[in-house]
Amino acid sequence: MQVNILEAKTNLSQLVKLIETGQEDSIIIARYGKPVAKLVLYNDVPAGRRIGIAKGKLKSPADLNQYNDEITAMLG
């Protein structure tokens, strides 16, 4: 599949979805009908480390839970 730059800008999310779902192997982006870029699935991108990123770096005070019963009573 080949698209021009304006179409690629306008529909980038849909074009990426076509690649991700395997409906297209690659998409050629053209300027004035001349291919200048190729959009392909890139499986080697490392997953981000968001979950647990601060594990072991934050400390909670020992008395953190001391008011739990009072707060529960206030909130019903």
PDB file of N, CA and C in Angstrom:
ATOM      1  N   MET A   1       0.845  -1.164   0.000  1.00  0.00           N
ATOM      2  CA  MET A   1       0.000   0.000   0.000  1.00  0.00           C
ATOM      3  C   MET A   1       0.893   1.231   0.000  1.00  0.00           C
ATOM      4  N   GLN A   2       0.495   2.236  -0.779  1.00  0.00           N
ATOM      5  CA  GLN A   2       1.244   3.487  -0.822  1.00  0.00           C
ATOM      6  C   GLN A   2       0.292   4.648  -0.550  1.00  0.00           C
ATOM      7  N   VAL A   3       0.722   5.574   0.280  1.00  0.00           N
ATOM      8  CA  VAL A   3      -0.072   6.768   0.590  1.00  0.00           C
ATOM      9  C   VAL A   3       0.815   7.996   0.464  1.00  0.00           C
ATOM     10  N   ASN A   4       0.191   9.142   0.214  1.00  0.00           N
ATOM     11  CA  ASN A   4       0.987  10.359   0.163  1.00  0.00           C
ATOM     12  C   ASN A   4       1.163  10.908   1.581  1.00  0.00           C
ATOM     13  N   ILE A   5       2.040  11.865   1.740  1.00  0.00           N
ATOM     14  CA  ILE A   5       2.375  12.378   3.066  1.00  0.00           C
ATOM     15  C   ILE A   5       1.159  12.976   3.765  1.00  0.00           C
ATOM     16  N   LEU A   6       0.346  13.733   3.059  1.00  0.00           N
ATOM     17  CA  LEU A   6      -0.826  14.342   3.679  1.00  0.00           C
ATOM     18  C   LEU A   6      -1.778  13.271   4.207  1.00  0.00           C
ATOM     19  N   GLU A   7      -2.003  12.240   3.416  1.00  0.00           N
ATOM     20  CA  GLU A   7      -2.863  11.140   3.860  1.00  0.00           C
ATOM     21  C   GLU A   7      -2.254  10.426   5.065  1.00  0.00           C
ATOM     22  N   ALA A   8      -0.940  10.234   5.061  1.00  0.00           N
ATOM     23  CA  ALA A   8      -0.262   9.583   6.187  1.00  0.00           C
ATOM     24  C   ALA A   8      -0.394  10.421   7.454  1.00  0.00           C
ATOM     25  N   LYS A   9      -0.239  11.743   7.335  1.00  0.00           N
ATOM     26  CA  LYS A   9      -0.399  12.615   8.502  1.00  0.00           C
ATOM     27  C   LYS A   9      -1.817  12.560   9.044  1.00  0.00           C
ATOM     28  N   THR A  10      -2.771  12.607   8.151  1.00  0.00           N
ATOM     29  CA  THR A  10      -4.173  12.634   8.545  1.00  0.00           C
ATOM     30  C   THR A  10      -4.623  11.322   9.163  1.00  0.00           C
ATOM     31  N   ASN A  11      -4.101  10.205   8.662  1.00  0.00           N
ATOM     32  CA  ASN A  11      -4.589   8.885   9.062  1.00  0.00           C
ATOM     33  C   ASN A  11      -3.528   8.020   9.717  1.00  0.00           C
ATOM     34  N   LEU A  12      -2.564   8.637  10.392  1.00  0.00           N
ATOM     35  CA  LEU A  12      -1.452   7.875  10.954  1.00  0.00           C
ATOM     36  C   LEU A  12      -1.921   6.772  11.900  1.00  0.00           C
ATOM     37  N   SER A  13      -2.846   7.072  12.780  1.00  0.00           N
ATOM     38  CA  SER A  13      -3.328   6.058  13.733  1.00  0.00           C
ATOM     39  C   SER A  13      -3.921   4.855  13.010  1.00  0.00           C
ATOM     40  N   GLN A  14      -4.713   5.115  11.975  1.00  0.00           N
ATOM     41  CA  GLN A  14      -5.326   4.015  11.221  1.00  0.00           C
ATOM     42  C   GLN A  14      -4.277   3.217  10.455  1.00  0.00           C
ATOM     43  N   LEU A  15      -3.273   3.905   9.919  1.00  0.00           N
ATOM     44  CA  LEU A  15      -2.215   3.201   9.190  1.00  0.00           C
ATOM     45  C   LEU A  15      -1.409   2.313  10.134  1.00  0.00           C
ATOM     46  N   VAL A  16      -1.103   2.824  11.326  1.00  0.00           N
ATOM     47  CA  VAL A  16      -0.371   2.020  12.317  1.00  0.00           C
ATOM     48  C   VAL A  16      -1.205   0.803  12.710  1.00  0.00           C
ATOM     49  N   LYS A  17      -2.508   0.989  12.857  1.00  0.00           N
ATOM     50  CA  LYS A  17      -3.384  -0.126  13.217  1.00  0.00           C
ATOM     51  C   LYS A  17      -3.379  -1.198  12.128  1.00  0.00           C
ATOM     52  N   LEU A  18      -3.349  -0.786  10.868  1.00  0.00           N
ATOM     53  CA  LEU A  18      -3.280  -1.753   9.772  1.00  0.00           C
ATOM     54  C   LEU A  18      -2.012  -2.595   9.867  1.00  0.00           C
ATOM     55  N   ILE A  19      -0.914  -1.968  10.234  1.00  0.00           N
ATOM     56  CA  ILE A  19       0.361  -2.677  10.390  1.00  0.00           C
ATOM     57  C   ILE A  19       0.297  -3.597  11.604  1.00  0.00           C
ATOM     58  N   GLU A  20      -0.177  -3.084  12.739  1.00  0.00           N
ATOM     59  CA  GLU A  20      -0.235  -3.862  13.979  1.00  0.00           C
ATOM     60  C   GLU A  20      -1.111  -5.100  13.848  1.00  0.00           C
ATOM     61  N   THR A  21      -2.217  -4.968  13.155  1.00  0.00           N
ATOM     62  CA  THR A  21      -3.157  -6.088  13.024  1.00  0.00           C
ATOM     63  C   THR A  21      -2.775  -7.044  11.905  1.00  0.00           C
ATOM     64  N   GLY A  22      -1.748  -6.719  11.150  1.00  0.00           N
ATOM     65  CA  GLY A  22      -1.294  -7.606  10.081  1.00  0.00           C
ATOM     66  C   GLY A  22      -2.090  -7.474   8.792  1.00  0.00           C
ATOM     67  N   GLN A  23      -2.968  -6.477   8.714  1.00  0.00           N
ATOM     68  CA  GLN A  23      -3.738  -6.275   7.480  1.00  0.00           C
ATOM     69  C   GLN A  23      -2.838  -5.778   6.350  1.00  0.00           C
ATOM     70  N   GLU A  24      -1.747  -5.119   6.722  1.00  0.00           N
ATOM     71  CA  GLU A  24      -0.734  -4.675   5.758  1.00  0.00           C
ATOM     72  C   GLU A  24       0.642  -5.051   6.301  1.00  0.00           C
ATOM     73  N   ASP A  25       1.528  -5.518   5.437  1.00  0.00           N
ATOM     74  CA  ASP A  25       2.902  -5.833   5.848  1.00  0.00           C
ATOM     75  C   ASP A  25       3.735  -4.562   5.976  1.00  0.00           C
ATOM     76  N   SER A  26       3.494  -3.637   5.055  1.00  0.00           N
ATOM     77  CA  SER A  26       4.206  -2.370   5.080  1.00  0.00           C
ATOM     78  C   SER A  26       3.369  -1.327   4.347  1.00  0.00           C
ATOM     79  N   ILE A  27       3.641  -0.076   4.653  1.00  0.00           N
ATOM     80  CA  ILE A  27       2.975   1.033   3.989  1.00  0.00           C
ATOM     81  C   ILE A  27       4.051   2.002   3.531  1.00  0.00           C
ATOM     82  N   ILE A  28       4.046   2.290   2.259  1.00  0.00           N
ATOM     83  CA  ILE A  28       5.009   3.218   1.672  1.00  0.00           C
ATOM     84  C   ILE A  28       4.418   4.622   1.723  1.00  0.00           C
ATOM     85  N   ILE A  29       5.196   5.573   2.216  1.00  0.00           N
ATOM     86  CA  ILE A  29       4.777   6.968   2.250  1.00  0.00           C
ATOM     87  C   ILE A  29       5.525   7.690   1.138  1.00  0.00           C
ATOM     88  N   ALA A  30       4.762   8.377   0.285  1.00  0.00           N
ATOM     89  CA  ALA A  30       5.343   9.011  -0.894  1.00  0.00           C
ATOM     90  C   ALA A  30       5.157  10.520  -0.864  1.00  0.00           C
ATOM     91  N   ARG A  31       6.120  11.210  -1.475  1.00  0.00           N
ATOM     92  CA  ARG A  31       6.025  12.658  -1.697  1.00  0.00           C
ATOM     93  C   ARG A  31       6.036  12.866  -3.201  1.00  0.00           C
ATOM     94  N   TYR A  32       4.968  13.501  -3.695  1.00  0.00           N
ATOM     95  CA  TYR A  32       4.805  13.717  -5.137  1.00  0.00           C
ATOM     96  C   TYR A  32       4.913  12.407  -5.922  1.00  0.00           C
ATOM     97  N   GLY A  33       4.372  11.336  -5.338  1.00  0.00           N
ATOM     98  CA  GLY A  33       4.358  10.039  -6.009  1.00  0.00           C
ATOM     99  C   GLY A  33       5.655   9.251  -5.894  1.00  0.00           C
ATOM    100  N   LYS A  34       6.675   9.830  -5.277  1.00  0.00           N
ATOM    101  CA  LYS A  34       7.972   9.159  -5.127  1.00  0.00           C
ATOM    102  C   LYS A  34       8.090   8.624  -3.696  1.00  0.00           C
ATOM    103  N   PRO A  35       8.319   7.308  -3.529  1.00  0.00           N
ATOM    104  CA  PRO A  35       8.450   6.729  -2.182  1.00  0.00           C
ATOM    105  C   PRO A  35       9.611   7.356  -1.412  1.00  0.00           C
ATOM    106  N   VAL A  36       9.326   7.757  -0.156  1.00  0.00           N
ATOM    107  CA  VAL A  36      10.369   8.363   0.671  1.00  0.00           C
ATOM    108  C   VAL A  36      10.507   7.687   2.033  1.00  0.00           C
ATOM    109  N   ALA A  37       9.498   6.930   2.459  1.00  0.00           N
ATOM    110  CA  ALA A  37       9.561   6.271   3.768  1.00  0.00           C
ATOM    111  C   ALA A  37       8.710   5.015   3.730  1.00  0.00           C
ATOM    112  N   LYS A  38       9.014   4.102   4.663  1.00  0.00           N
ATOM    113  CA  LYS A  38       8.292   2.833   4.736  1.00  0.00           C
ATOM    114  C   LYS A  38       7.887   2.596   6.179  1.00  0.00           C
ATOM    115  N   LEU A  39       6.602   2.332   6.396  1.00  0.00           N
ATOM    116  CA  LEU A  39       6.070   2.043   7.722  1.00  0.00           C
ATOM    117  C   LEU A  39       5.941   0.529   7.846  1.00  0.00           C
ATOM    118  N   VAL A  40       6.656  -0.057   8.831  1.00  0.00           N
ATOM    119  CA  VAL A  40       6.633  -1.505   9.032  1.00  0.00           C
ATOM    120  C   VAL A  40       6.493  -1.814  10.512  1.00  0.00           C
ATOM    121  N   LEU A  41       6.093  -3.042  10.826  1.00  0.00           N
ATOM    122  CA  LEU A  41       6.000  -3.484  12.214  1.00  0.00           C
ATOM    123  C   LEU A  41       7.406  -3.708  12.751  1.00  0.00           C
ATOM    124  N   TYR A  42       7.685  -3.167  13.915  1.00  0.00           N
ATOM    125  CA  TYR A  42       9.000  -3.298  14.518  1.00  0.00           C
ATOM    126  C   TYR A  42       8.839  -4.020  15.839  1.00  0.00           C
ATOM    127  N   ASN A  43       9.153  -5.292  15.880  1.00  0.00           N
ATOM    128  CA  ASN A  43       8.947  -6.135  17.062  1.00  0.00           C
ATOM    129  C   ASN A  43      10.051  -6.040  18.097  1.00  0.00           C
ATOM    130  N   ASP A  44      11.136  -5.389  17.780  1.00  0.00           N
ATOM    131  CA  ASP A  44      12.280  -5.374  18.691  1.00  0.00           C
ATOM    132  C   ASP A  44      12.261  -4.216  19.676  1.00  0.00           C
ATOM    133  N   VAL A  45      11.158  -3.502  19.771  1.00  0.00           N
ATOM    134  CA  VAL A  45      11.079  -2.387  20.715  1.00  0.00           C
ATOM    135  C   VAL A  45      10.942  -2.947  22.126  1.00  0.00           C
ATOM    136  N   PRO A  46      11.864  -2.616  23.028  1.00  0.00           N
ATOM    137  CA  PRO A  46      11.764  -3.141  24.393  1.00  0.00           C
ATOM    138  C   PRO A  46      10.562  -2.548  25.118  1.00  0.00           C
ATOM    139  N   ALA A  47       9.921  -3.362  25.920  1.00  0.00           N
ATOM    140  CA  ALA A  47       8.765  -2.899  26.691  1.00  0.00           C
ATOM    141  C   ALA A  47       9.232  -1.908  27.753  1.00  0.00           C
ATOM    142  N   GLY A  48       8.434  -0.891  27.973  1.00  0.00           N
ATOM    143  CA  GLY A  48       8.759   0.106  28.985  1.00  0.00           C
ATOM    144  C   GLY A  48       8.641  -0.490  30.378  1.00  0.00           C
ATOM    145  N   ARG A  49       9.426   0.001  31.299  1.00  0.00           N
ATOM    146  CA  ARG A  49       9.386  -0.486  32.681  1.00  0.00           C
ATOM    147  C   ARG A  49       8.628   0.512  33.526  1.00  0.00           C
ATOM    148  N   ARG A  50       7.300   0.495  33.436  1.00  0.00           N
ATOM    149  CA  ARG A  50       6.493   1.428  34.198  1.00  0.00           C
ATOM    150  C   ARG A  50       6.050   0.829  35.528  1.00  0.00           C
ATOM    151  N   ILE A  51       5.614  -0.403  35.543  1.00  0.00           N
ATOM    152  CA  ILE A  51       5.119  -1.008  36.773  1.00  0.00           C
ATOM    153  C   ILE A  51       6.306  -1.321  37.677  1.00  0.00           C
ATOM    154  N   GLY A  52       6.236  -0.838  38.882  1.00  0.00           N
ATOM    155  CA  GLY A  52       7.301  -1.107  39.845  1.00  0.00           C
ATOM    156  C   GLY A  52       8.544  -0.263  39.647  1.00  0.00           C
ATOM    157  N   ILE A  53       8.430   0.813  38.891  1.00  0.00           N
ATOM    158  CA  ILE A  53       9.610   1.619  38.578  1.00  0.00           C
ATOM    159  C   ILE A  53      10.246   2.238  39.822  1.00  0.00           C
ATOM    160  N   ALA A  54       9.428   2.523  40.860  1.00  0.00           N
ATOM    161  CA  ALA A  54       9.957   3.144  42.070  1.00  0.00           C
ATOM    162  C   ALA A  54      10.093   2.147  43.222  1.00  0.00           C
ATOM    163  N   LYS A  55       9.956   0.868  42.926  1.00  0.00           N
ATOM    164  CA  LYS A  55      10.027  -0.145  43.981  1.00  0.00           C
ATOM    165  C   LYS A  55      11.357  -0.049  44.732  1.00  0.00           C
ATOM    166  N   GLY A  56      11.251   0.034  46.051  1.00  0.00           N
ATOM    167  CA  GLY A  56      12.438   0.111  46.889  1.00  0.00           C
ATOM    168  C   GLY A  56      13.015   1.506  47.039  1.00  0.00           C
ATOM    169  N   LYS A  57      12.446   2.488  46.331  1.00  0.00           N
ATOM    170  CA  LYS A  57      12.980   3.844  46.400  1.00  0.00           C
ATOM    171  C   LYS A  57      12.176   4.742  47.338  1.00  0.00           C
ATOM    172  N   LEU A  58      10.963   4.319  47.676  1.00  0.00           N
ATOM    173  CA  LEU A  58      10.113   5.120  48.555  1.00  0.00           C
ATOM    174  C   LEU A  58       9.903   4.387  49.870  1.00  0.00           C
ATOM    175  N   LYS A  59       9.869   5.138  50.940  1.00  0.00           N
ATOM    176  CA  LYS A  59       9.637   4.543  52.254  1.00  0.00           C
ATOM    177  C   LYS A  59       8.395   5.178  52.857  1.00  0.00           C
ATOM    178  N   SER A  60       7.537   4.339  53.417  1.00  0.00           N
ATOM    179  CA  SER A  60       6.343   4.860  54.090  1.00  0.00           C
ATOM    180  C   SER A  60       6.610   4.913  55.578  1.00  0.00           C
ATOM    181  N   PRO A  61       6.004   5.884  56.262  1.00  0.00           N
ATOM    182  CA  PRO A  61       6.227   6.001  57.705  1.00  0.00           C
ATOM    183  C   PRO A  61       5.632   4.805  58.440  1.00  0.00           C
ATOM    184  N   ALA A  62       6.210   4.465  59.567  1.00  0.00           N
ATOM    185  CA  ALA A  62       5.764   3.308  60.344  1.00  0.00           C
ATOM    186  C   ALA A  62       4.329   3.478  60.842  1.00  0.00           C
ATOM    187  N   ASP A  63       3.910   4.719  61.081  1.00  0.00           N
ATOM    188  CA  ASP A  63       2.571   4.961  61.616  1.00  0.00           C
ATOM    189  C   ASP A  63       1.547   5.303  60.515  1.00  0.00           C
ATOM    190  N   LEU A  64       1.798   4.894  59.301  1.00  0.00           N
ATOM    191  CA  LEU A  64       0.936   5.208  58.170  1.00  0.00           C
ATOM    192  C   LEU A  64      -0.513   4.780  58.394  1.00  0.00           C
ATOM    193  N   ASN A  65      -0.718   3.644  58.989  1.00  0.00           N
ATOM    194  CA  ASN A  65      -2.067   3.098  59.152  1.00  0.00           C
ATOM    195  C   ASN A  65      -2.713   3.410  60.502  1.00  0.00           C
ATOM    196  N   GLN A  66      -2.116   4.266  61.294  1.00  0.00           N
ATOM    197  CA  GLN A  66      -2.617   4.482  62.647  1.00  0.00           C
ATOM    198  C   GLN A  66      -4.019   5.102  62.680  1.00  0.00           C
ATOM    199  N   TYR A  67      -4.438   5.836  61.662  1.00  0.00           N
ATOM    200  CA  TYR A  67      -5.744   6.488  61.667  1.00  0.00           C
ATOM    201  C   TYR A  67      -6.781   5.774  60.792  1.00  0.00           C
ATOM    202  N   ASN A  68      -6.490   4.575  60.346  1.00  0.00           N
ATOM    203  CA  ASN A  68      -7.420   3.855  59.466  1.00  0.00           C
ATOM    204  C   ASN A  68      -8.799   3.673  60.091  1.00  0.00           C
ATOM    205  N   ASP A  69      -8.872   3.302  61.351  1.00  0.00           N
ATOM    206  CA  ASP A  69     -10.163   3.090  62.002  1.00  0.00           C
ATOM    207  C   ASP A  69     -10.968   4.393  62.086  1.00  0.00           C
ATOM    208  N   GLU A  70     -10.300   5.494  62.398  1.00  0.00           N
ATOM    209  CA  GLU A  70     -10.997   6.778  62.485  1.00  0.00           C
ATOM    210  C   GLU A  70     -11.516   7.214  61.117  1.00  0.00           C
ATOM    211  N   ILE A  71     -10.701   7.038  60.101  1.00  0.00           N
ATOM    212  CA  ILE A  71     -11.101   7.429  58.758  1.00  0.00           C
ATOM    213  C   ILE A  71     -12.270   6.562  58.274  1.00  0.00           C
ATOM    214  N   THR A  72     -12.212   5.290  58.561  1.00  0.00           N
ATOM    215  CA  THR A  72     -13.301   4.385  58.190  1.00  0.00           C
ATOM    216  C   THR A  72     -14.597   4.793  58.891  1.00  0.00           C
ATOM    217  N   ALA A  73     -14.527   5.171  60.151  1.00  0.00           N
ATOM    218  CA  ALA A  73     -15.706   5.600  60.907  1.00  0.00           C
ATOM    219  C   ALA A  73     -16.274   6.897  60.311  1.00  0.00           C
ATOM    220  N   MET A  74     -15.404   7.820  59.917  1.00  0.00           N
ATOM    221  CA  MET A  74     -15.873   9.093  59.346  1.00  0.00           C
ATOM    222  C   MET A  74     -16.544   8.891  58.000  1.00  0.00           C
ATOM    223  N   LEU A  75     -16.025   7.965  57.205  1.00  0.00           N
ATOM    224  CA  LEU A  75     -16.566   7.743  55.866  1.00  0.00           C
ATOM    225  C   LEU A  75     -17.745   6.777  55.856  1.00  0.00           C
ATOM    226  N   GLY A  76     -17.984   6.137  56.971  1.00  0.00           N
ATOM    227  CA  GLY A  76     -19.140   5.267  57.094  1.00  0.00           C
ATOM    228  C   GLY A  76     -18.857   3.938  56.535  1.00  0.00           C
TER     229      GLY A  76
END
